[in-house]
PDB file of N, CA and C in Angstrom:
ATOM      1  N   MET A   1      25.568   1.072   1.681  1.00  0.00           N
ATOM      2  CA  MET A   1      24.398   0.866   2.314  1.00  0.00           C
ATOM      3  C   MET A   1      24.508   0.191   3.437  1.00  0.00           C
ATOM      4  N   SER A   2      23.684   0.577   4.617  1.00  0.00           N
ATOM      5  CA  SER A   2      23.891  -0.129   5.887  1.00  0.00           C
ATOM      6  C   SER A   2      23.245  -1.470   5.911  1.00  0.00           C
ATOM      7  N   ASN A   3      23.604  -2.338   6.791  1.00  0.00           N
ATOM      8  CA  ASN A   3      22.808  -3.689   7.094  1.00  0.00           C
ATOM      9  C   ASN A   3      21.415  -3.471   7.464  1.00  0.00           C
ATOM     10  N   GLU A   4      21.042  -2.435   7.889  1.00  0.00           N
ATOM     11  CA  GLU A   4      19.621  -2.098   8.405  1.00  0.00           C
ATOM     12  C   GLU A   4      18.823  -2.328   7.046  1.00  0.00           C
ATOM     13  N   CYS A   5      19.356  -1.863   5.778  1.00  0.00           N
ATOM     14  CA  CYS A   5      18.460  -2.026   4.479  1.00  0.00           C
ATOM     15  C   CYS A   5      18.307  -3.489   4.240  1.00  0.00           C
ATOM     16  N   ASP A   6      19.209  -4.385   4.648  1.00  0.00           N
ATOM     17  CA  ASP A   6      19.002  -5.843   4.358  1.00  0.00           C
ATOM     18  C   ASP A   6      17.646  -6.421   4.798  1.00  0.00           C
ATOM     19  N   LYS A   7      17.103  -5.840   5.732  1.00  0.00           N
ATOM     20  CA  LYS A   7      15.720  -6.324   6.175  1.00  0.00           C
ATOM     21  C   LYS A   7      14.672  -6.012   5.236  1.00  0.00           C
ATOM     22  N   HIS A   8      14.838  -5.313   4.207  1.00  0.00           N
ATOM     23  CA  HIS A   8      13.877  -5.058   3.071  1.00  0.00           C
ATOM     24  C   HIS A   8      14.114  -5.885   1.969  1.00  0.00           C
ATOM     25  N   PRO A   9      13.246  -7.104   1.765  1.00  0.00           N
ATOM     26  CA  PRO A   9      13.724  -7.949   0.704  1.00  0.00           C
ATOM     27  C   PRO A   9      13.380  -7.344  -0.597  1.00  0.00           C
ATOM     28  N   ASP A  10      13.886  -7.919  -1.706  1.00  0.00           N
ATOM     29  CA  ASP A  10      13.805  -7.303  -3.057  1.00  0.00           C
ATOM     30  C   ASP A  10      12.752  -7.955  -3.944  1.00  0.00           C
ATOM     31  N   ASN A  11      11.873  -8.784  -3.141  1.00  0.00           N
ATOM     32  CA  ASN A  11      10.802  -9.488  -3.888  1.00  0.00           C
ATOM     33  C   ASN A  11       9.737  -9.738  -2.763  1.00  0.00           C
ATOM     34  N   PHE A  12       8.552 -10.102  -3.302  1.00  0.00           N
ATOM     35  CA  PHE A  12       7.438 -10.496  -2.392  1.00  0.00           C
ATOM     36  C   PHE A  12       7.163 -12.002  -2.604  1.00  0.00           C
ATOM     37  N   ASP A  13       7.698 -12.823  -1.680  1.00  0.00           N
ATOM     38  CA  ASP A  13       7.414 -14.215  -1.821  1.00  0.00           C
ATOM     39  C   ASP A  13       7.960 -14.815  -3.092  1.00  0.00           C
ATOM     40  N   GLY A  14       8.986 -14.216  -3.715  1.00  0.00           N
ATOM     41  CA  GLY A  14       9.528 -14.800  -4.809  1.00  0.00           C
ATOM     42  C   GLY A  14       8.892 -14.120  -6.146  1.00  0.00           C
ATOM     43  N   TYR A  15       8.016 -13.363  -6.149  1.00  0.00           N
ATOM     44  CA  TYR A  15       7.216 -12.703  -7.222  1.00  0.00           C
ATOM     45  C   TYR A  15       8.046 -11.568  -7.725  1.00  0.00           C
ATOM     46  N   THR A  16       8.209 -11.570  -9.075  1.00  0.00           N
ATOM     47  CA  THR A  16       8.687 -10.341  -9.615  1.00  0.00           C
ATOM     48  C   THR A  16       7.738  -9.209  -9.432  1.00  0.00           C
ATOM     49  N   PRO A  17       8.133  -7.848  -9.689  1.00  0.00           N
ATOM     50  CA  PRO A  17       7.084  -6.911  -9.572  1.00  0.00           C
ATOM     51  C   PRO A  17       6.109  -7.205 -10.441  1.00  0.00           C
ATOM     52  N   LYS A  18       6.267  -7.497 -11.643  1.00  0.00           N
ATOM     53  CA  LYS A  18       5.395  -7.639 -12.766  1.00  0.00           C
ATOM     54  C   LYS A  18       4.366  -8.809 -12.479  1.00  0.00           C
ATOM     55  N   LYS A  19       4.931  -9.896 -12.002  1.00  0.00           N
ATOM     56  CA  LYS A  19       4.080 -10.952 -11.491  1.00  0.00           C
ATOM     57  C   LYS A  19       3.116 -10.632 -10.321  1.00  0.00           C
ATOM     58  N   PHE A  20       3.694  -9.956  -9.346  1.00  0.00           N
ATOM     59  CA  PHE A  20       2.952  -9.525  -8.261  1.00  0.00           C
ATOM     60  C   PHE A  20       1.828  -8.540  -8.639  1.00  0.00           C
ATOM     61  N   ALA A  21       1.968  -7.674  -9.543  1.00  0.00           N
ATOM     62  CA  ALA A  21       1.009  -6.693  -9.987  1.00  0.00           C
ATOM     63  C   ALA A  21      -0.077  -7.500 -10.563  1.00  0.00           C
ATOM     64  N   LYS A  22       0.293  -8.390 -11.588  1.00  0.00           N
ATOM     65  CA  LYS A  22      -0.873  -9.120 -12.319  1.00  0.00           C
ATOM     66  C   LYS A  22      -1.616  -9.997 -11.244  1.00  0.00           C
ATOM     67  N   LYS A  23      -1.004 -10.495 -10.249  1.00  0.00           N
ATOM     68  CA  LYS A  23      -1.845 -11.212  -9.396  1.00  0.00           C
ATOM     69  C   LYS A  23      -2.617 -10.408  -8.538  1.00  0.00           C
ATOM     70  N   PHE A  24      -2.045  -9.307  -8.054  1.00  0.00           N
ATOM     71  CA  PHE A  24      -2.903  -8.423  -6.930  1.00  0.00           C
ATOM     72  C   PHE A  24      -3.983  -7.905  -7.688  1.00  0.00           C
ATOM     73  N   VAL A  25      -3.905  -7.286  -9.051  1.00  0.00           N
ATOM     74  CA  VAL A  25      -5.038  -6.760  -9.706  1.00  0.00           C
ATOM     75  C   VAL A  25      -6.207  -7.704  -9.992  1.00  0.00           C
ATOM     76  N   LYS A  26      -5.899  -8.992 -10.004  1.00  0.00           N
ATOM     77  CA  LYS A  26      -6.912  -9.876 -10.092  1.00  0.00           C
ATOM     78  C   LYS A  26      -7.817 -10.164  -8.742  1.00  0.00           C
ATOM     79  N   THR A  27      -7.204  -9.688  -7.708  1.00  0.00           N
ATOM     80  CA  THR A  27      -7.997 -10.048  -6.342  1.00  0.00           C
ATOM     81  C   THR A  27      -9.375  -9.130  -6.252  1.00  0.00           C
ATOM     82  N   ASN A  28     -10.015  -9.440  -5.402  1.00  0.00           N
ATOM     83  CA  ASN A  28     -11.451  -8.768  -5.106  1.00  0.00           C
ATOM     84  C   ASN A  28     -11.160  -7.385  -4.821  1.00  0.00           C
ATOM     85  N   TYR A  29     -11.868  -6.430  -5.454  1.00  0.00           N
ATOM     86  CA  TYR A  29     -11.614  -4.992  -5.340  1.00  0.00           C
ATOM     87  C   TYR A  29     -11.657  -4.403  -3.974  1.00  0.00           C
ATOM     88  N   PHE A  30     -12.564  -5.161  -3.116  1.00  0.00           N
ATOM     89  CA  PHE A  30     -12.850  -4.705  -1.636  1.00  0.00           C
ATOM     90  C   PHE A  30     -11.612  -5.185  -0.737  1.00  0.00           C
ATOM     91  N   PHE A  31     -10.938  -6.177  -1.243  1.00  0.00           N
ATOM     92  CA  PHE A  31      -9.721  -6.675  -0.639  1.00  0.00           C
ATOM     93  C   PHE A  31      -8.678  -5.571  -1.002  1.00  0.00           C
ATOM     94  N   GLN A  32      -8.469  -5.160  -2.181  1.00  0.00           N
ATOM     95  CA  GLN A  32      -7.562  -4.078  -2.629  1.00  0.00           C
ATOM     96  C   GLN A  32      -7.674  -2.931  -1.732  1.00  0.00           C
ATOM     97  N   LYS A  33      -9.068  -2.317  -1.564  1.00  0.00           N
ATOM     98  CA  LYS A  33      -9.238  -1.177  -0.932  1.00  0.00           C
ATOM     99  C   LYS A  33      -8.614  -1.383   0.561  1.00  0.00           C
ATOM    100  N   GLU A  34      -8.988  -2.499   1.096  1.00  0.00           N
ATOM    101  CA  GLU A  34      -8.321  -2.728   2.573  1.00  0.00           C
ATOM    102  C   GLU A  34      -6.934  -2.701   2.418  1.00  0.00           C
ATOM    103  N   VAL A  35      -6.119  -3.285   1.539  1.00  0.00           N
ATOM    104  CA  VAL A  35      -4.705  -3.456   1.293  1.00  0.00           C
ATOM    105  C   VAL A  35      -4.258  -1.817   1.303  1.00  0.00           C
ATOM    106  N   TYR A  36      -4.787  -0.893   0.333  1.00  0.00           N
ATOM    107  CA  TYR A  36      -4.571   0.551   0.188  1.00  0.00           C
ATOM    108  C   TYR A  36      -4.654   1.075   1.546  1.00  0.00           C
ATOM    109  N   LYS A  37      -5.696   0.903   2.309  1.00  0.00           N
ATOM    110  CA  LYS A  37      -5.825   1.537   3.608  1.00  0.00           C
ATOM    111  C   LYS A  37      -4.659   1.138   4.484  1.00  0.00           C
ATOM    112  N   LEU A  38      -4.321  -0.159   4.510  1.00  0.00           N
ATOM    113  CA  LEU A  38      -3.389  -0.566   5.338  1.00  0.00           C
ATOM    114  C   LEU A  38      -1.998  -0.106   5.046  1.00  0.00           C
ATOM    115  N   LEU A  39      -1.649  -0.045   3.690  1.00  0.00           N
ATOM    116  CA  LEU A  39      -0.450   0.375   3.210  1.00  0.00           C
ATOM    117  C   LEU A  39      -0.283   1.821   3.655  1.00  0.00           C
ATOM    118  N   SER A  40      -1.257   2.584   3.553  1.00  0.00           N
ATOM    119  CA  SER A  40      -1.260   3.971   4.030  1.00  0.00           C
ATOM    120  C   SER A  40      -0.790   4.082   5.566  1.00  0.00           C
ATOM    121  N   GLU A  41      -1.425   3.323   6.354  1.00  0.00           N
ATOM    122  CA  GLU A  41      -1.099   3.197   7.757  1.00  0.00           C
ATOM    123  C   GLU A  41       0.478   2.705   7.941  1.00  0.00           C
ATOM    124  N   GLU A  42       0.840   1.697   7.243  1.00  0.00           N
ATOM    125  CA  GLU A  42       2.105   1.307   7.465  1.00  0.00           C
ATOM    126  C   GLU A  42       3.160   2.209   6.996  1.00  0.00           C
ATOM    127  N   TYR A  43       2.935   2.814   5.880  1.00  0.00           N
ATOM    128  CA  TYR A  43       3.857   3.949   5.405  1.00  0.00           C
ATOM    129  C   TYR A  43       4.025   5.153   6.426  1.00  0.00           C
ATOM    130  N   ARG A  44       2.911   5.488   7.078  1.00  0.00           N
ATOM    131  CA  ARG A  44       2.924   6.506   8.024  1.00  0.00           C
ATOM    132  C   ARG A  44       3.834   5.943   9.127  1.00  0.00           C
ATOM    133  N   LYS A  45       3.461   4.729   9.619  1.00  0.00           N
ATOM    134  CA  LYS A  45       4.508   4.197  10.612  1.00  0.00           C
ATOM    135  C   LYS A  45       6.033   4.197  10.468  1.00  0.00           C
ATOM    136  N   GLU A  46       6.204   3.914   9.127  1.00  0.00           N
ATOM    137  CA  GLU A  46       7.648   3.866   8.625  1.00  0.00           C
ATOM    138  C   GLU A  46       8.191   5.225   8.782  1.00  0.00           C
ATOM    139  N   ALA A  47       7.231   6.242   8.346  1.00  0.00           N
ATOM    140  CA  ALA A  47       7.692   7.738   8.307  1.00  0.00           C
ATOM    141  C   ALA A  47       8.196   8.124   9.637  1.00  0.00           C
ATOM    142  N   GLU A  48       7.250   7.772  10.636  1.00  0.00           N
ATOM    143  CA  GLU A  48       7.563   8.084  12.080  1.00  0.00           C
ATOM    144  C   GLU A  48       8.876   7.554  12.663  1.00  0.00           C
ATOM    145  N   ALA A  49       9.037   6.245  12.201  1.00  0.00           N
ATOM    146  CA  ALA A  49      10.197   5.554  12.528  1.00  0.00           C
ATOM    147  C   ALA A  49      11.552   6.187  12.016  1.00  0.00           C
ATOM    148  N   ASP A  50      11.442   6.611  10.757  1.00  0.00           N
ATOM    149  CA  ASP A  50      12.521   7.288  10.101  1.00  0.00           C
ATOM    150  C   ASP A  50      12.799   8.763  10.739  1.00  0.00           C
ATOM    151  N   LYS A  51      11.661   9.325  11.075  1.00  0.00           N
ATOM    152  CA  LYS A  51      11.705  10.735  11.700  1.00  0.00           C
ATOM    153  C   LYS A  51      12.671  10.499  12.966  1.00  0.00           C
ATOM    154  N   LYS A  52      12.362   9.526  13.762  1.00  0.00           N
ATOM    155  CA  LYS A  52      13.267   9.255  15.003  1.00  0.00           C
ATOM    156  C   LYS A  52      14.614   8.927  14.748  1.00  0.00           C
ATOM    157  N   ARG A  53      14.974   8.289  13.615  1.00  0.00           N
ATOM    158  CA  ARG A  53      16.314   8.020  13.285  1.00  0.00           C
ATOM    159  C   ARG A  53      17.027   9.212  12.487  1.00  0.00           C
ATOM    160  N   GLY A  54      16.252  10.279  12.398  1.00  0.00           N
ATOM    161  CA  GLY A  54      16.789  11.493  11.675  1.00  0.00           C
ATOM    162  C   GLY A  54      16.888  11.487  10.199  1.00  0.00           C
ATOM    163  N   ARG A  55      16.121  10.697   9.623  1.00  0.00           N
ATOM    164  CA  ARG A  55      16.107  10.562   8.206  1.00  0.00           C
ATOM    165  C   ARG A  55      14.818  11.363   7.649  1.00  0.00           C
ATOM    166  N   MET A  56      14.985  12.552   7.531  1.00  0.00           N
ATOM    167  CA  MET A  56      13.918  13.561   7.270  1.00  0.00           C
ATOM    168  C   MET A  56      13.468  13.568   5.764  1.00  0.00           C
ATOM    169  N   GLN A  57      14.357  13.224   4.749  1.00  0.00           N
ATOM    170  CA  GLN A  57      14.087  13.160   3.487  1.00  0.00           C
ATOM    171  C   GLN A  57      13.227  11.790   3.196  1.00  0.00           C
ATOM    172  N   LEU A  58      13.625  10.791   3.849  1.00  0.00           N
ATOM    173  CA  LEU A  58      12.814   9.550   3.815  1.00  0.00           C
ATOM    174  C   LEU A  58      11.450   9.692   4.439  1.00  0.00           C
ATOM    175  N   LYS A  59      11.495  10.193   5.604  1.00  0.00           N
ATOM    176  CA  LYS A  59      10.269  10.560   6.292  1.00  0.00           C
ATOM    177  C   LYS A  59       9.233  11.256   5.337  1.00  0.00           C
ATOM    178  N   SER A  60       9.753  12.261   4.798  1.00  0.00           N
ATOM    179  CA  SER A  60       9.017  13.229   3.976  1.00  0.00           C
ATOM    180  C   SER A  60       8.320  12.418   2.899  1.00  0.00           C
ATOM    181  N   GLY A  61       9.089  11.581   2.076  1.00  0.00           N
ATOM    182  CA  GLY A  61       8.782  10.726   0.910  1.00  0.00           C
ATOM    183  C   GLY A  61       7.821   9.798   1.557  1.00  0.00           C
ATOM    184  N   LEU A  62       7.734   9.168   2.634  1.00  0.00           N
ATOM    185  CA  LEU A  62       6.876   8.089   2.979  1.00  0.00           C
ATOM    186  C   LEU A  62       5.652   8.713   3.514  1.00  0.00           C
ATOM    187  N   GLU A  63       5.702   9.903   4.048  1.00  0.00           N
ATOM    188  CA  GLU A  63       4.341  10.515   4.336  1.00  0.00           C
ATOM    189  C   GLU A  63       3.601  10.985   2.999  1.00  0.00           C
ATOM    190  N   GLU A  64       4.332  11.321   2.200  1.00  0.00           N
ATOM    191  CA  GLU A  64       3.753  11.784   0.788  1.00  0.00           C
ATOM    192  C   GLU A  64       3.070  10.580   0.225  1.00  0.00           C
ATOM    193  N   LEU A  65       3.785   9.275   0.294  1.00  0.00           N
ATOM    194  CA  LEU A  65       3.148   8.155  -0.278  1.00  0.00           C
ATOM    195  C   LEU A  65       1.960   7.674   0.582  1.00  0.00           C
ATOM    196  N   SER A  66       2.185   7.881   1.981  1.00  0.00           N
ATOM    197  CA  SER A  66       0.945   7.530   2.735  1.00  0.00           C
ATOM    198  C   SER A  66      -0.352   8.355   2.382  1.00  0.00           C
ATOM    199  N   LYS A  67      -0.021   9.596   2.115  1.00  0.00           N
ATOM    200  CA  LYS A  67      -1.278  10.558   1.779  1.00  0.00           C
ATOM    201  C   LYS A  67      -1.722  10.274   0.440  1.00  0.00           C
ATOM    202  N   SER A  68      -0.803   9.705  -0.504  1.00  0.00           N
ATOM    203  CA  SER A  68      -1.388   9.413  -1.899  1.00  0.00           C
ATOM    204  C   SER A  68      -2.194   8.307  -1.721  1.00  0.00           C
ATOM    205  N   PHE A  69      -1.944   7.169  -0.895  1.00  0.00           N
ATOM    206  CA  PHE A  69      -2.968   6.120  -0.700  1.00  0.00           C
ATOM    207  C   PHE A  69      -4.161   6.614   0.041  1.00  0.00           C
ATOM    208  N   GLU A  70      -4.187   7.550   0.991  1.00  0.00           N
ATOM    209  CA  GLU A  70      -5.226   7.977   1.575  1.00  0.00           C
ATOM    210  C   GLU A  70      -6.191   8.789   0.695  1.00  0.00           C
ATOM    211  N   GLY A  71      -5.661   9.437  -0.175  1.00  0.00           N
ATOM    212  CA  GLY A  71      -6.408  10.379  -0.957  1.00  0.00           C
ATOM    213  C   GLY A  71      -6.752   9.840  -2.389  1.00  0.00           C
ATOM    214  N   PRO A  72      -6.014  10.165  -3.466  1.00  0.00           N
ATOM    215  CA  PRO A  72      -6.398   9.658  -4.700  1.00  0.00           C
ATOM    216  C   PRO A  72      -6.633   8.144  -4.866  1.00  0.00           C
ATOM    217  N   VAL A  73      -5.701   7.185  -4.293  1.00  0.00           N
ATOM    218  CA  VAL A  73      -5.796   5.879  -4.507  1.00  0.00           C
ATOM    219  C   VAL A  73      -7.146   5.343  -3.911  1.00  0.00           C
ATOM    220  N   LEU A  74      -7.423   5.726  -2.615  1.00  0.00           N
ATOM    221  CA  LEU A  74      -8.620   5.244  -1.990  1.00  0.00           C
ATOM    222  C   LEU A  74      -9.880   5.756  -2.592  1.00  0.00           C
ATOM    223  N   LYS A  75      -9.823   7.047  -3.164  1.00  0.00           N
ATOM    224  CA  LYS A  75     -11.002   7.650  -3.721  1.00  0.00           C
ATOM    225  C   LYS A  75     -11.203   6.914  -4.916  1.00  0.00           C
ATOM    226  N   ALA A  76     -10.375   6.475  -5.654  1.00  0.00           N
ATOM    227  CA  ALA A  76     -10.544   5.926  -7.005  1.00  0.00           C
ATOM    228  C   ALA A  76     -10.954   4.430  -6.718  1.00  0.00           C
ATOM    229  N   ILE A  77     -10.242   3.655  -5.813  1.00  0.00           N
ATOM    230  CA  ILE A  77     -10.742   2.156  -5.583  1.00  0.00           C
ATOM    231  C   ILE A  77     -12.199   2.264  -5.022  1.00  0.00           C
ATOM    232  N   GLN A  78     -12.594   3.183  -4.132  1.00  0.00           N
ATOM    233  CA  GLN A  78     -14.000   3.508  -3.759  1.00  0.00           C
ATOM    234  C   GLN A  78     -14.928   3.512  -4.965  1.00  0.00           C
ATOM    235  N   LYS A  79     -14.692   4.367  -5.851  1.00  0.00           N
ATOM    236  CA  LYS A  79     -15.570   4.291  -7.221  1.00  0.00           C
ATOM    237  C   LYS A  79     -15.614   2.888  -7.807  1.00  0.00           C
ATOM    238  N   VAL A  80     -14.593   2.193  -7.942  1.00  0.00           N
ATOM    239  CA  VAL A  80     -14.554   0.934  -8.440  1.00  0.00           C
ATOM    240  C   VAL A  80     -15.397  -0.071  -7.493  1.00  0.00           C
ATOM    241  N   CYS A  81     -15.389   0.067  -6.340  1.00  0.00           N
ATOM    242  CA  CYS A  81     -16.022  -0.774  -5.407  1.00  0.00           C
ATOM    243  C   CYS A  81     -17.640  -0.649  -5.482  1.00  0.00           C
ATOM    244  N   LYS A  82     -17.777   0.775  -5.640  1.00  0.00           N
ATOM    245  CA  LYS A  82     -19.224   1.249  -5.716  1.00  0.00           C
ATOM    246  C   LYS A  82     -19.735   0.699  -7.046  1.00  0.00           C
ATOM    247  N   ALA A  83     -19.142   0.674  -8.040  1.00  0.00           N
ATOM    248  CA  ALA A  83     -19.461   0.114  -9.533  1.00  0.00           C
ATOM    249  C   ALA A  83     -19.754  -1.347  -9.532  1.00  0.00           C
ATOM    250  N   CYS A  84     -19.069  -1.968  -8.701  1.00  0.00           N
ATOM    251  CA  CYS A  84     -19.217  -3.538  -8.850  1.00  0.00           C
ATOM    252  C   CYS A  84     -19.896  -4.086  -7.537  1.00  0.00           C
ATOM    253  N   LYS A  85     -20.434  -3.229  -6.748  1.00  0.00           N
ATOM    254  CA  LYS A  85     -21.095  -3.615  -5.526  1.00  0.00           C
ATOM    255  C   LYS A  85     -22.175  -4.711  -5.804  1.00  0.00           C
ATOM    256  N   LYS A  86     -22.890  -4.662  -6.851  1.00  0.00           N
ATOM    257  CA  LYS A  86     -24.024  -5.630  -7.166  1.00  0.00           C
ATOM    258  C   LYS A  86     -23.462  -6.857  -7.608  1.00  0.00           C
ATOM    259  N   TYR A  87     -22.148  -6.802  -7.952  1.00  0.00           N
ATOM    260  CA  TYR A  87     -21.639  -8.025  -8.681  1.00  0.00           C
ATOM    261  C   TYR A  87     -20.464  -8.920  -7.889  1.00  0.00           C
ATOM    262  N   MET A  88     -20.030  -8.072  -6.907  1.00  0.00           N
ATOM    263  CA  MET A  88     -18.909  -8.652  -6.159  1.00  0.00           C
ATOM    264  C   MET A  88     -19.029  -8.591  -4.742  1.00  0.00           C
ATOM    265  N   LYS A  89     -18.771  -9.701  -4.082  1.00  0.00           N
ATOM    266  CA  LYS A  89     -19.035  -9.637  -2.482  1.00  0.00           C
ATOM    267  C   LYS A  89     -17.968  -8.869  -1.978  1.00  0.00           C
ATOM    268  N   ASN A  90     -18.392  -8.179  -0.809  1.00  0.00           N
ATOM    269  CA  ASN A  90     -17.516  -7.438  -0.027  1.00  0.00           C
ATOM    270  C   ASN A  90     -17.263  -8.207   1.367  1.00  0.00           C
ATOM    271  N   PRO A  91     -16.080  -8.964   1.196  1.00  0.00           N
ATOM    272  CA  PRO A  91     -15.797  -9.806   2.308  1.00  0.00           C
ATOM    273  C   PRO A  91     -15.618  -8.993   3.854  1.00  0.00           C
ATOM    274  N   PHE A  92     -15.607  -7.792   3.700  1.00  0.00           N
ATOM    275  CA  PHE A  92     -15.162  -6.939   4.895  1.00  0.00           C
ATOM    276  C   PHE A  92     -16.491  -6.287   5.453  1.00  0.00           C
ATOM    277  N   GLU A  93     -17.576  -6.567   5.108  1.00  0.00           N
ATOM    278  CA  GLU A  93     -18.837  -6.148   5.609  1.00  0.00           C
ATOM    279  C   GLU A  93     -19.324  -6.997   6.672  1.00  0.00           C
TER     280      GLU A  93
END
């Protein structure tokens, strides 16, 4: 593995994947929606960078991941946000 991969930490601020997931799922749903939108954008940017490096398989996977967030994930979280709009404040309006 190249040293370039060392820039990718194996945790998020010390959280295990399980602990991170439990913490994230408890956040405001409108916050989660914004995170999913931004993740889609960031994965798309990563895909473009890997395309320039000639890493076409990685580019393809990252583009697919980006599209998953844009499509099914955002569609589902939008339903959740709509269902709780009366009960939960949208800090992004």
